[in-house]
PDB file of N, CA and C in Angstrom:
ATOM      1  N   UNK A   1       7.679 -21.458 -19.344  1.00  0.00           N
ATOM      2  CA  UNK A   1       7.055 -21.417 -18.043  1.00  0.00           C
ATOM      3  C   UNK A   1       5.589 -21.048 -18.210  1.00  0.00           C
ATOM      4  N   UNK A   2       4.772 -21.635 -17.401  1.00  0.00           N
ATOM      5  CA  UNK A   2       3.338 -21.414 -17.396  1.00  0.00           C
ATOM      6  C   UNK A   2       3.040 -19.938 -17.081  1.00  0.00           C
ATOM      7  N   UNK A   3       2.104 -19.289 -17.794  1.00  0.00           N
ATOM      8  CA  UNK A   3       1.782 -17.885 -17.516  1.00  0.00           C
ATOM      9  C   UNK A   3       1.294 -17.650 -16.084  1.00  0.00           C
ATOM     10  N   UNK A   4       0.581 -18.604 -15.520  1.00  0.00           N
ATOM     11  CA  UNK A   4       0.115 -18.457 -14.145  1.00  0.00           C
ATOM     12  C   UNK A   4       1.294 -18.455 -13.177  1.00  0.00           C
ATOM     13  N   UNK A   5       2.269 -19.311 -13.434  1.00  0.00           N
ATOM     14  CA  UNK A   5       3.460 -19.358 -12.585  1.00  0.00           C
ATOM     15  C   UNK A   5       4.242 -18.050 -12.676  1.00  0.00           C
ATOM     16  N   UNK A   6       4.352 -17.495 -13.878  1.00  0.00           N
ATOM     17  CA  UNK A   6       5.034 -16.213 -14.054  1.00  0.00           C
ATOM     18  C   UNK A   6       4.320 -15.115 -13.278  1.00  0.00           C
ATOM     19  N   UNK A   7       2.999 -15.116 -13.358  1.00  0.00           N
ATOM     20  CA  UNK A   7       2.216 -14.116 -12.654  1.00  0.00           C
ATOM     21  C   UNK A   7       2.420 -14.219 -11.147  1.00  0.00           C
ATOM     22  N   UNK A   8       2.428 -15.433 -10.622  1.00  0.00           N
ATOM     23  CA  UNK A   8       2.633 -15.625  -9.189  1.00  0.00           C
ATOM     24  C   UNK A   8       4.024 -15.185  -8.758  1.00  0.00           C
ATOM     25  N   UNK A   9       5.032 -15.431  -9.582  1.00  0.00           N
ATOM     26  CA  UNK A   9       6.392 -14.995  -9.258  1.00  0.00           C
ATOM     27  C   UNK A   9       6.469 -13.467  -9.250  1.00  0.00           C
ATOM     28  N   UNK A  10       5.850 -12.827 -10.214  1.00  0.00           N
ATOM     29  CA  UNK A  10       5.861 -11.356 -10.275  1.00  0.00           C
ATOM     30  C   UNK A  10       5.121 -10.766  -9.082  1.00  0.00           C
ATOM     31  N   UNK A  11       3.964 -11.324  -8.756  1.00  0.00           N
ATOM     32  CA  UNK A  11       3.198 -10.827  -7.605  1.00  0.00           C
ATOM     33  C   UNK A  11       4.010 -10.998  -6.320  1.00  0.00           C
ATOM     34  N   UNK A  12       4.679 -12.125  -6.179  1.00  0.00           N
ATOM     35  CA  UNK A  12       5.506 -12.352  -5.007  1.00  0.00           C
ATOM     36  C   UNK A  12       6.650 -11.355  -4.920  1.00  0.00           C
ATOM     37  N   UNK A  13       7.298 -11.084  -6.044  1.00  0.00           N
ATOM     38  CA  UNK A  13       8.397 -10.114  -6.059  1.00  0.00           C
ATOM     39  C   UNK A  13       7.899  -8.714  -5.701  1.00  0.00           C
ATOM     40  N   UNK A  14       6.748  -8.346  -6.223  1.00  0.00           N
ATOM     41  CA  UNK A  14       6.173  -7.035  -5.912  1.00  0.00           C
ATOM     42  C   UNK A  14       5.844  -6.936  -4.426  1.00  0.00           C
ATOM     43  N   UNK A  15       5.298  -7.993  -3.856  1.00  0.00           N
ATOM     44  CA  UNK A  15       4.977  -7.977  -2.428  1.00  0.00           C
ATOM     45  C   UNK A  15       6.233  -7.888  -1.565  1.00  0.00           C
ATOM     46  N   UNK A  16       7.299  -8.572  -1.976  1.00  0.00           N
ATOM     47  CA  UNK A  16       8.548  -8.494  -1.217  1.00  0.00           C
ATOM     48  C   UNK A  16       9.113  -7.076  -1.276  1.00  0.00           C
ATOM     49  N   UNK A  17       9.130  -6.475  -2.448  1.00  0.00           N
ATOM     50  CA  UNK A  17       9.642  -5.113  -2.586  1.00  0.00           C
ATOM     51  C   UNK A  17       8.776  -4.136  -1.793  1.00  0.00           C
ATOM     52  N   UNK A  18       7.465  -4.290  -1.862  1.00  0.00           N
ATOM     53  CA  UNK A  18       6.567  -3.407  -1.112  1.00  0.00           C
ATOM     54  C   UNK A  18       6.789  -3.568   0.388  1.00  0.00           C
ATOM     55  N   UNK A  19       6.996  -4.795   0.841  1.00  0.00           N
ATOM     56  CA  UNK A  19       7.262  -5.025   2.258  1.00  0.00           C
ATOM     57  C   UNK A  19       8.563  -4.401   2.705  1.00  0.00           C
ATOM     58  N   UNK A  20       9.597  -4.498   1.891  1.00  0.00           N
ATOM     59  CA  UNK A  20      10.874  -3.873   2.238  1.00  0.00           C
ATOM     60  C   UNK A  20      10.770  -2.356   2.274  1.00  0.00           C
ATOM     61  N   UNK A  21      10.070  -1.798   1.295  1.00  0.00           N
ATOM     62  CA  UNK A  21       9.876  -0.342   1.294  1.00  0.00           C
ATOM     63  C   UNK A  21       9.084   0.081   2.523  1.00  0.00           C
ATOM     64  N   UNK A  22       8.054  -0.669   2.867  1.00  0.00           N
ATOM     65  CA  UNK A  22       7.226  -0.338   4.021  1.00  0.00           C
ATOM     66  C   UNK A  22       8.036  -0.442   5.318  1.00  0.00           C
ATOM     67  N   UNK A  23       8.890  -1.480   5.398  1.00  0.00           N
ATOM     68  CA  UNK A  23       9.682  -1.705   6.602  1.00  0.00           C
ATOM     69  C   UNK A  23      10.752  -0.630   6.783  1.00  0.00           C
ATOM     70  N   UNK A  24      11.555  -0.400   5.742  1.00  0.00           N
ATOM     71  CA  UNK A  24      12.675   0.524   5.874  1.00  0.00           C
ATOM     72  C   UNK A  24      12.298   1.962   5.553  1.00  0.00           C
ATOM     73  N   UNK A  25      11.304   2.160   4.734  1.00  0.00           N
ATOM     74  CA  UNK A  25      10.858   3.509   4.410  1.00  0.00           C
ATOM     75  C   UNK A  25       9.869   4.053   5.413  1.00  0.00           C
ATOM     76  N   UNK A  26       9.412   3.223   6.332  1.00  0.00           N
ATOM     77  CA  UNK A  26       8.445   3.656   7.334  1.00  0.00           C
ATOM     78  C   UNK A  26       8.975   4.740   8.254  1.00  0.00           C
ATOM     79  N   UNK A  27      10.270   4.804   8.377  1.00  0.00           N
ATOM     80  CA  UNK A  27      10.868   5.853   9.206  1.00  0.00           C
ATOM     81  C   UNK A  27      10.763   7.214   8.551  1.00  0.00           C
ATOM     82  N   UNK A  28      10.749   7.220   7.222  1.00  0.00           N
ATOM     83  CA  UNK A  28      10.792   8.477   6.494  1.00  0.00           C
ATOM     84  C   UNK A  28       9.471   8.830   5.828  1.00  0.00           C
ATOM     85  N   UNK A  29       8.664   7.834   5.518  1.00  0.00           N
ATOM     86  CA  UNK A  29       7.351   8.068   4.909  1.00  0.00           C
ATOM     87  C   UNK A  29       6.285   7.968   5.993  1.00  0.00           C
ATOM     88  N   UNK A  30       5.445   8.973   6.134  1.00  0.00           N
ATOM     89  CA  UNK A  30       4.469   8.959   7.231  1.00  0.00           C
ATOM     90  C   UNK A  30       3.182   8.198   6.913  1.00  0.00           C
ATOM     91  N   UNK A  31       3.263   7.110   6.100  1.00  0.00           N
ATOM     92  CA  UNK A  31       2.049   6.355   5.806  1.00  0.00           C
ATOM     93  C   UNK A  31       1.428   5.840   7.087  1.00  0.00           C
ATOM     94  N   UNK A  32       0.136   6.018   7.209  1.00  0.00           N
ATOM     95  CA  UNK A  32      -0.578   5.596   8.405  1.00  0.00           C
ATOM     96  C   UNK A  32      -0.691   6.691   9.443  1.00  0.00           C
ATOM     97  N   UNK A  33      -0.011   7.792   9.216  1.00  0.00           N
ATOM     98  CA  UNK A  33      -0.067   8.905  10.156  1.00  0.00           C
ATOM     99  C   UNK A  33      -0.225  10.229   9.408  1.00  0.00           C
ATOM    100  N   UNK A  34      -0.964  10.201   8.331  1.00  0.00           N
ATOM    101  CA  UNK A  34      -1.144  11.392   7.515  1.00  0.00           C
ATOM    102  C   UNK A  34      -2.240  12.283   8.083  1.00  0.00           C
ATOM    103  N   UNK A  35      -2.168  13.591   7.793  1.00  0.00           N
ATOM    104  CA  UNK A  35      -3.264  14.475   8.196  1.00  0.00           C
ATOM    105  C   UNK A  35      -4.551  14.040   7.486  1.00  0.00           C
ATOM    106  N   UNK A  36      -5.615  13.966   8.202  1.00  0.00           N
ATOM    107  CA  UNK A  36      -6.880  13.522   7.636  1.00  0.00           C
ATOM    108  C   UNK A  36      -7.241  12.110   8.047  1.00  0.00           C
ATOM    109  N   UNK A  37      -6.289  11.359   8.576  1.00  0.00           N
ATOM    110  CA  UNK A  37      -6.596  10.035   9.107  1.00  0.00           C
ATOM    111  C   UNK A  37      -7.437  10.211  10.376  1.00  0.00           C
ATOM    112  N   UNK A  38      -8.422   9.363  10.538  1.00  0.00           N
ATOM    113  CA  UNK A  38      -9.372   9.505  11.639  1.00  0.00           C
ATOM    114  C   UNK A  38      -8.847   8.794  12.881  1.00  0.00           C
ATOM    115  N   UNK A  39      -8.730   9.536  13.980  1.00  0.00           N
ATOM    116  CA  UNK A  39      -8.306   8.966  15.260  1.00  0.00           C
ATOM    117  C   UNK A  39      -9.288   9.453  16.322  1.00  0.00           C
ATOM    118  N   UNK A  40      -9.921   8.509  17.012  1.00  0.00           N
ATOM    119  CA  UNK A  40     -10.833   8.833  18.110  1.00  0.00           C
ATOM    120  C   UNK A  40     -10.311   8.119  19.347  1.00  0.00           C
ATOM    121  N   UNK A  41      -9.973   8.895  20.362  1.00  0.00           N
ATOM    122  CA  UNK A  41      -9.470   8.321  21.599  1.00  0.00           C
ATOM    123  C   UNK A  41     -10.448   8.627  22.728  1.00  0.00           C
ATOM    124  N   UNK A  42     -10.911   7.582  23.386  1.00  0.00           N
ATOM    125  CA  UNK A  42     -11.787   7.714  24.547  1.00  0.00           C
ATOM    126  C   UNK A  42     -11.052   7.135  25.746  1.00  0.00           C
ATOM    127  N   UNK A  43     -11.764   6.881  26.819  1.00  0.00           N
ATOM    128  CA  UNK A  43     -11.132   6.407  28.039  1.00  0.00           C
ATOM    129  C   UNK A  43     -10.371   5.097  27.826  1.00  0.00           C
ATOM    130  N   UNK A  44     -11.045   4.055  27.389  1.00  0.00           N
ATOM    131  CA  UNK A  44     -10.429   2.745  27.229  1.00  0.00           C
ATOM    132  C   UNK A  44     -10.380   2.270  25.782  1.00  0.00           C
ATOM    133  N   UNK A  45     -10.745   3.138  24.846  1.00  0.00           N
ATOM    134  CA  UNK A  45     -10.864   2.728  23.450  1.00  0.00           C
ATOM    135  C   UNK A  45     -10.102   3.710  22.572  1.00  0.00           C
ATOM    136  N   UNK A  46      -9.403   3.155  21.607  1.00  0.00           N
ATOM    137  CA  UNK A  46      -8.759   3.991  20.585  1.00  0.00           C
ATOM    138  C   UNK A  46      -9.168   3.443  19.230  1.00  0.00           C
ATOM    139  N   UNK A  47      -9.853   4.253  18.452  1.00  0.00           N
ATOM    140  CA  UNK A  47     -10.288   3.879  17.110  1.00  0.00           C
ATOM    141  C   UNK A  47      -9.448   4.650  16.108  1.00  0.00           C
ATOM    142  N   UNK A  48      -8.889   3.946  15.144  1.00  0.00           N
ATOM    143  CA  UNK A  48      -8.013   4.566  14.160  1.00  0.00           C
ATOM    144  C   UNK A  48      -8.388   4.050  12.780  1.00  0.00           C
ATOM    145  N   UNK A  49      -8.678   4.963  11.865  1.00  0.00           N
ATOM    146  CA  UNK A  49      -8.967   4.581  10.487  1.00  0.00           C
ATOM    147  C   UNK A  49      -8.175   5.485   9.548  1.00  0.00           C
ATOM    148  N   UNK A  50      -7.180   4.936   8.856  1.00  0.00           N
ATOM    149  CA  UNK A  50      -6.313   5.752   7.987  1.00  0.00           C
ATOM    150  C   UNK A  50      -6.950   6.017   6.620  1.00  0.00           C
ATOM    151  N   UNK A  51      -7.960   6.860   6.575  1.00  0.00           N
ATOM    152  CA  UNK A  51      -8.713   7.101   5.342  1.00  0.00           C
ATOM    153  C   UNK A  51      -7.852   7.747   4.260  1.00  0.00           C
ATOM    154  N   UNK A  52      -7.032   8.728   4.615  1.00  0.00           N
ATOM    155  CA  UNK A  52      -6.196   9.402   3.616  1.00  0.00           C
ATOM    156  C   UNK A  52      -5.129   8.442   3.094  1.00  0.00           C
ATOM    157  N   UNK A  53      -4.570   7.633   3.980  1.00  0.00           N
ATOM    158  CA  UNK A  53      -3.593   6.637   3.557  1.00  0.00           C
ATOM    159  C   UNK A  53      -4.229   5.645   2.588  1.00  0.00           C
ATOM    160  N   UNK A  54      -5.459   5.221   2.860  1.00  0.00           N
ATOM    161  CA  UNK A  54      -6.167   4.302   1.960  1.00  0.00           C
ATOM    162  C   UNK A  54      -6.400   4.939   0.593  1.00  0.00           C
ATOM    163  N   UNK A  55      -6.739   6.212   0.569  1.00  0.00           N
ATOM    164  CA  UNK A  55      -6.978   6.909  -0.695  1.00  0.00           C
ATOM    165  C   UNK A  55      -5.691   6.992  -1.508  1.00  0.00           C
ATOM    166  N   UNK A  56      -4.581   7.321  -0.853  1.00  0.00           N
ATOM    167  CA  UNK A  56      -3.299   7.435  -1.555  1.00  0.00           C
ATOM    168  C   UNK A  56      -2.863   6.076  -2.095  1.00  0.00           C
ATOM    169  N   UNK A  57      -3.004   5.027  -1.306  1.00  0.00           N
ATOM    170  CA  UNK A  57      -2.645   3.689  -1.774  1.00  0.00           C
ATOM    171  C   UNK A  57      -3.529   3.281  -2.946  1.00  0.00           C
ATOM    172  N   UNK A  58      -4.806   3.610  -2.893  1.00  0.00           N
ATOM    173  CA  UNK A  58      -5.721   3.301  -3.984  1.00  0.00           C
ATOM    174  C   UNK A  58      -5.314   4.020  -5.267  1.00  0.00           C
ATOM    175  N   UNK A  59      -4.938   5.280  -5.155  1.00  0.00           N
ATOM    176  CA  UNK A  59      -4.494   6.041  -6.332  1.00  0.00           C
ATOM    177  C   UNK A  59      -3.227   5.423  -6.915  1.00  0.00           C
ATOM    178  N   UNK A  60      -2.266   5.071  -6.053  1.00  0.00           N
ATOM    179  CA  UNK A  60      -1.022   4.471  -6.530  1.00  0.00           C
ATOM    180  C   UNK A  60      -1.267   3.126  -7.211  1.00  0.00           C
ATOM    181  N   UNK A  61      -2.140   2.298  -6.639  1.00  0.00           N
ATOM    182  CA  UNK A  61      -2.446   1.015  -7.260  1.00  0.00           C
ATOM    183  C   UNK A  61      -3.186   1.188  -8.584  1.00  0.00           C
ATOM    184  N   UNK A  62      -4.069   2.165  -8.662  1.00  0.00           N
ATOM    185  CA  UNK A  62      -4.780   2.445  -9.903  1.00  0.00           C
ATOM    186  C   UNK A  62      -3.813   2.895 -10.996  1.00  0.00           C
ATOM    187  N   UNK A  63      -2.908   3.805 -10.647  1.00  0.00           N
ATOM    188  CA  UNK A  63      -1.915   4.249 -11.622  1.00  0.00           C
ATOM    189  C   UNK A  63      -1.001   3.101 -12.039  1.00  0.00           C
ATOM    190  N   UNK A  64      -0.619   2.264 -11.101  1.00  0.00           N
ATOM    191  CA  UNK A  64       0.227   1.118 -11.422  1.00  0.00           C
ATOM    192  C   UNK A  64      -0.459   0.153 -12.366  1.00  0.00           C
ATOM    193  N   UNK A  65      -1.728  -0.139 -12.108  1.00  0.00           N
ATOM    194  CA  UNK A  65      -2.443  -1.058 -12.999  1.00  0.00           C
ATOM    195  C   UNK A  65      -2.670  -0.431 -14.371  1.00  0.00           C
ATOM    196  N   UNK A  66      -2.903   0.873 -14.406  1.00  0.00           N
ATOM    197  CA  UNK A  66      -3.053   1.555 -15.688  1.00  0.00           C
ATOM    198  C   UNK A  66      -1.760   1.473 -16.497  1.00  0.00           C
ATOM    199  N   UNK A  67      -0.637   1.737 -15.846  1.00  0.00           N
ATOM    200  CA  UNK A  67       0.646   1.668 -16.556  1.00  0.00           C
ATOM    201  C   UNK A  67       0.955   0.228 -16.985  1.00  0.00           C
ATOM    202  N   UNK A  68       0.592  -0.738 -16.161  1.00  0.00           N
ATOM    203  CA  UNK A  68       0.811  -2.127 -16.516  1.00  0.00           C
ATOM    204  C   UNK A  68       0.023  -2.498 -17.766  1.00  0.00           C
ATOM    205  N   UNK A  69      -1.253  -2.074 -17.821  1.00  0.00           N
ATOM    206  CA  UNK A  69      -2.077  -2.366 -19.002  1.00  0.00           C
ATOM    207  C   UNK A  69      -1.603  -1.587 -20.216  1.00  0.00           C
ATOM    208  N   UNK A  70      -1.062  -0.381 -19.996  1.00  0.00           N
ATOM    209  CA  UNK A  70      -0.596   0.446 -21.102  1.00  0.00           C
ATOM    210  C   UNK A  70       0.610  -0.172 -21.786  1.00  0.00           C
ATOM    211  N   UNK A  71       1.538  -0.724 -21.011  1.00  0.00           N
ATOM    212  CA  UNK A  71       2.761  -1.281 -21.580  1.00  0.00           C
ATOM    213  C   UNK A  71       2.686  -2.768 -21.856  1.00  0.00           C
ATOM    214  N   UNK A  72       1.572  -3.399 -21.555  1.00  0.00           N
ATOM    215  CA  UNK A  72       1.434  -4.832 -21.810  1.00  0.00           C
ATOM    216  C   UNK A  72       1.033  -5.099 -23.210  1.00  0.00           C
TER     217      UNK A  72
END
């Protein structure tokens, strides 16, 4: 099998697993509602920026890519 095809299959599988975890684990994991996320509510406007959630996801992706390169 072509290496590009293998890569696309792996990326697709990872996205499916991440989506399932996000869907079913969303009840138990407070991603998107962590302390430190910025929420500004005014009369007709609600601004929400999940900065802490972005930082945690960035750390997890960095560790994942590091482990992937380490074992490759």
